[in-house]
C-alpha atoms as a PDB file:
ATOM      1  CA  MET A   1      20.700  22.468 -14.619  1.00  0.00           C
ATOM      2  CA  GLY A   2      18.559  24.766 -12.518  1.00  0.00           C
ATOM      3  CA  SER A   3      15.563  22.463 -12.655  1.00  0.00           C
ATOM      4  CA  GLU A   4      17.019  20.221  -9.939  1.00  0.00           C
ATOM      5  CA  LEU A   5      17.068  23.168  -7.591  1.00  0.00           C
ATOM      6  CA  ILE A   6      13.403  23.858  -8.236  1.00  0.00           C
ATOM      7  CA  ILE A   7      12.093  20.281  -8.108  1.00  0.00           C
ATOM      8  CA  ILE A   8      13.512  19.378  -4.673  1.00  0.00           C
ATOM      9  CA  PRO A   9      11.769  22.218  -2.738  1.00  0.00           C
ATOM     10  CA  ILE A  10       8.538  21.569  -4.627  1.00  0.00           C
ATOM     11  CA  PHE A  11       8.724  17.884  -3.701  1.00  0.00           C
ATOM     12  CA  PHE A  12       9.319  18.570  -0.011  1.00  0.00           C
ATOM     13  CA  GLY A  13       6.707  21.344  -0.052  1.00  0.00           C
ATOM     14  CA  ALA A  14       4.134  18.918  -1.434  1.00  0.00           C
ATOM     15  CA  ILE A  15       4.932  16.383   1.287  1.00  0.00           C
ATOM     16  CA  PHE A  16       4.668  19.082   3.951  1.00  0.00           C
ATOM     17  CA  GLY A  17       1.386  20.348   2.471  1.00  0.00           C
ATOM     18  CA  ILE A  18      -0.176  16.900   2.481  1.00  0.00           C
ATOM     19  CA  ALA A  19       0.925  16.235   6.059  1.00  0.00           C
ATOM     20  CA  TYR A  20      -0.325  19.659   7.191  1.00  0.00           C
ATOM     21  CA  LEU A  21      -3.725  19.158   5.563  1.00  0.00           C
ATOM     22  CA  TYR A  22      -4.041  15.673   7.037  1.00  0.00           C
ATOM     23  CA  PHE A  23      -3.294  16.705  10.602  1.00  0.00           C
ATOM     24  CA  SER A  24      -5.224  19.978  10.529  1.00  0.00           C
ATOM     25  CA  THR A  25      -8.359  18.326   9.111  1.00  0.00           C
ATOM     26  CA  ARG A  26      -8.096  15.488  11.590  1.00  0.00           C
ATOM     27  CA  ASN A  27      -7.879  17.996  14.422  1.00  0.00           C
ATOM     28  CA  LYS A  28     -10.899  19.951  13.125  1.00  0.00           C
ATOM     29  CA  GLU A  29     -12.959  16.764  12.773  1.00  0.00           C
ATOM     30  CA  ARG A  30     -12.134  15.710  16.314  1.00  0.00           C
ATOM     31  CA  LEU A  31     -12.973  19.128  17.718  1.00  0.00           C
ATOM     32  CA  ALA A  32     -16.305  19.115  15.868  1.00  0.00           C
ATOM     33  CA  LEU A  33     -17.165  15.658  17.256  1.00  0.00           C
ATOM     34  CA  ILE A  34     -16.236  16.717  20.772  1.00  0.00           C
ATOM     35  CA  GLU A  35     -18.390  19.860  20.471  1.00  0.00           C
ATOM     36  CA  LYS A  36     -21.344  17.701  19.471  1.00  0.00           C
ATOM     37  CA  GLY A  37     -20.805  15.557  22.562  1.00  0.00           C
ATOM     38  CA  ALA A  38     -19.446  12.417  20.942  1.00  0.00           C
ATOM     39  CA  ASP A  39     -17.590   9.938  23.116  1.00  0.00           C
ATOM     40  CA  ALA A  40     -13.826  10.521  23.072  1.00  0.00           C
ATOM     41  CA  SER A  41     -13.102   6.795  23.137  1.00  0.00           C
ATOM     42  CA  ILE A  42     -13.594   6.605  19.361  1.00  0.00           C
ATOM     43  CA  PHE A  43     -10.200   8.278  18.933  1.00  0.00           C
ATOM     44  CA  VAL A  44      -8.296   5.644  20.891  1.00  0.00           C
ATOM     45  CA  LYS A  45      -7.785   2.255  19.324  1.00  0.00           C
ATOM     46  CA  GLY A  46      -7.533  -0.308  22.050  1.00  0.00           C
ATOM     47  CA  ARG A  47      -6.198  -3.820  21.970  1.00  0.00           C
ATOM     48  CA  ASP A  48      -9.713  -5.181  21.631  1.00  0.00           C
ATOM     49  CA  SER A  49     -10.109  -3.874  18.072  1.00  0.00           C
ATOM     50  CA  ARG A  50     -10.461  -6.481  15.350  1.00  0.00           C
ATOM     51  CA  THR A  51      -7.499  -5.452  13.201  1.00  0.00           C
ATOM     52  CA  ALA A  52      -4.363  -7.457  12.563  1.00  0.00           C
ATOM     53  CA  PRO A  53      -1.016  -5.906  13.492  1.00  0.00           C
ATOM     54  CA  ILE A  54       0.338  -3.727  10.695  1.00  0.00           C
ATOM     55  CA  TRP A  55       3.634  -5.611  10.546  1.00  0.00           C
ATOM     56  CA  LYS A  56       1.806  -8.846   9.738  1.00  0.00           C
ATOM     57  CA  VAL A  57      -0.130  -7.210   6.937  1.00  0.00           C
ATOM     58  CA  LEU A  58       2.938  -5.517   5.442  1.00  0.00           C
ATOM     59  CA  LEU A  59       5.053  -8.649   5.682  1.00  0.00           C
ATOM     60  CA  LEU A  60       2.357 -10.801   4.113  1.00  0.00           C
ATOM     61  CA  ASN A  61       1.745  -8.408   1.219  1.00  0.00           C
ATOM     62  CA  LEU A  62       5.450  -7.836   0.594  1.00  0.00           C
ATOM     63  CA  ALA A  63       6.145 -11.577   0.566  1.00  0.00           C
ATOM     64  CA  LEU A  64       3.317 -12.272  -1.853  1.00  0.00           C
ATOM     65  CA  LEU A  65       4.350  -9.356  -4.068  1.00  0.00           C
ATOM     66  CA  LEU A  66       7.916 -10.651  -4.296  1.00  0.00           C
ATOM     67  CA  ILE A  67       6.659 -14.184  -4.966  1.00  0.00           C
ATOM     68  CA  GLY A  68       4.477 -12.801  -7.747  1.00  0.00           C
ATOM     69  CA  ILE A  69       7.381 -10.881  -9.281  1.00  0.00           C
ATOM     70  CA  GLY A  70       9.558 -13.999  -9.149  1.00  0.00           C
ATOM     71  CA  LEU A  71       6.861 -16.083 -10.802  1.00  0.00           C
ATOM     72  CA  GLY A  72       6.396 -13.357 -13.396  1.00  0.00           C
ATOM     73  CA  ILE A  73      10.085 -13.425 -14.311  1.00  0.00           C
ATOM     74  CA  PHE A  74      10.005 -17.218 -14.505  1.00  0.00           C
ATOM     75  CA  LEU A  75       6.889 -17.266 -16.697  1.00  0.00           C
ATOM     76  CA  GLY A  76       8.330 -14.477 -18.841  1.00  0.00           C
ATOM     77  CA  SER A  77      11.417 -16.579 -19.536  1.00  0.00           C
ATOM     78  CA  LEU A  78       9.188 -19.537 -20.421  1.00  0.00           C
ATOM     79  CA  LEU A  79       7.175 -17.381 -22.799  1.00  0.00           C
ATOM     80  CA  GLU A  80      10.378 -16.065 -24.354  1.00  0.00           C
ATOM     81  CA  ALA A  81      11.547 -19.636 -24.893  1.00  0.00           C
ATOM     82  CA  LEU A  82       8.232 -20.379 -26.621  1.00  0.00           C
ATOM     83  CA  GLY A  83       8.871 -17.592 -29.104  1.00  0.00           C
ATOM     84  CA  PHE A  84       7.150 -14.541 -27.613  1.00  0.00           C
ATOM     85  CA  ASP A  85       8.874 -11.189 -27.866  1.00  0.00           C
ATOM     86  CA  GLU A  86      11.065 -10.502 -24.831  1.00  0.00           C
ATOM     87  CA  ASP A  87       9.932  -6.863 -24.642  1.00  0.00           C
ATOM     88  CA  VAL A  88       6.338  -7.990 -24.161  1.00  0.00           C
ATOM     89  CA  ALA A  89       6.666 -11.256 -22.258  1.00  0.00           C
ATOM     90  CA  TYR A  90       8.636 -10.026 -19.239  1.00  0.00           C
ATOM     91  CA  PRO A  91       6.722  -6.841 -18.293  1.00  0.00           C
ATOM     92  CA  ALA A  92       3.332  -8.402 -18.953  1.00  0.00           C
ATOM     93  CA  THR A  93       3.898 -11.465 -16.809  1.00  0.00           C
ATOM     94  CA  ILE A  94       5.696  -9.536 -14.044  1.00  0.00           C
ATOM     95  CA  PHE A  95       2.867  -7.030 -13.669  1.00  0.00           C
ATOM     96  CA  PHE A  96       0.202  -9.707 -14.004  1.00  0.00           C
ATOM     97  CA  MET A  97       1.709 -12.001 -11.399  1.00  0.00           C
ATOM     98  CA  ALA A  98       2.518  -9.103  -9.048  1.00  0.00           C
ATOM     99  CA  GLY A  99      -1.125  -8.015  -9.279  1.00  0.00           C
ATOM    100  CA  ILE A 100      -2.296 -11.532  -8.527  1.00  0.00           C
ATOM    101  CA  GLY A 101       0.098 -11.634  -5.551  1.00  0.00           C
ATOM    102  CA  LEU A 102      -1.283  -8.370  -4.165  1.00  0.00           C
ATOM    103  CA  PHE A 103      -4.861  -9.579  -4.645  1.00  0.00           C
ATOM    104  CA  VAL A 104      -4.098 -12.811  -2.810  1.00  0.00           C
ATOM    105  CA  GLY A 105      -2.453 -10.741  -0.074  1.00  0.00           C
ATOM    106  CA  PHE A 106      -5.577  -8.608   0.213  1.00  0.00           C
ATOM    107  CA  THR A 107      -7.843 -11.630   0.578  1.00  0.00           C
ATOM    108  CA  MET A 108      -5.480 -13.260   3.076  1.00  0.00           C
ATOM    109  CA  THR A 109      -5.364 -10.025   5.089  1.00  0.00           C
ATOM    110  CA  LYS A 110      -9.160  -9.983   5.281  1.00  0.00           C
ATOM    111  CA  ARG A 111      -9.112 -13.572   6.497  1.00  0.00           C
ATOM    112  CA  LEU A 112      -6.345 -12.744   9.002  1.00  0.00           C
ATOM    113  CA  GLU A 113      -8.396  -9.879  10.431  1.00  0.00           C
ATOM    114  CA  LYS A 114     -11.412 -12.155  10.869  1.00  0.00           C
ATOM    115  CA  GLU A 115      -9.344 -14.694  12.832  1.00  0.00           C
ATOM    116  CA  ASP A 116      -7.885 -12.174  15.299  1.00  0.00           C
END
């Protein structure tokens, strides 16, 4: 019963620690670059950068992931109808098709970034 009280602060402490390390190291790196005389414009991403908007990338990957999961469930039911064990057919095809969906999303994101 007391373990719930211990896990929650540890979880939030880990999140805080990661965020603190990220921002403090980023600040130290920037200060070191500025001391060496590097141009400060490398810290500002302008509109001329060649990256696609993050919402397009997230939406594309989420859509393809959900399509892959749906296809995995469909193929799992087909495999079950063919006589495969249900405990193996569903998880295997869901993970396989979700992985294929994420890979397709990755390649489409690279192509999307080249177009913009």
